[in-house]
Amino acid sequence: MATYEEVKDIPNHPEKYLFDVRNESELKETGILPASINIPLAELERALNLPDKDFAETYGRPKPAIDSVMIFSCKAGGRAARAANLASTLGFSNAKAYAGSWTEWQAKQS
């Protein structure tokens, strides 16, 4: 599991990835986590299976290496856990969920 402190420090670690798997409409309501890449959960498997070039063109960042640290966030942690499990199933060895997700982030930013 990823912690609030780890997620807060993501902008200082360009080698790590933070994926927000909420839907675009949710992001418009709440805002986004700094340095996160939005890929809704329903699109995640397709996105992680894209060729490197297509991933970079679509998301503005190189596709994560199989051993990259990948942190997944959502609203309350449920979808983040599913996303981390999906990434692990696809062979990504350092996928983890941010259990507190947006709910914890927003509370600690106040």
Foldseek 3Di string as FASTA:
>chain_A
DDEPVRLLCVVVPVQAAEEEQEDPVVCVVQNDRPRHFYDHLVRLVVLLPDDQVVNCVVGVHGRHDLAGAYEYAYQAAPSRQVSQVSSVVVRRDRYDYHRRHPVVNVVVVD
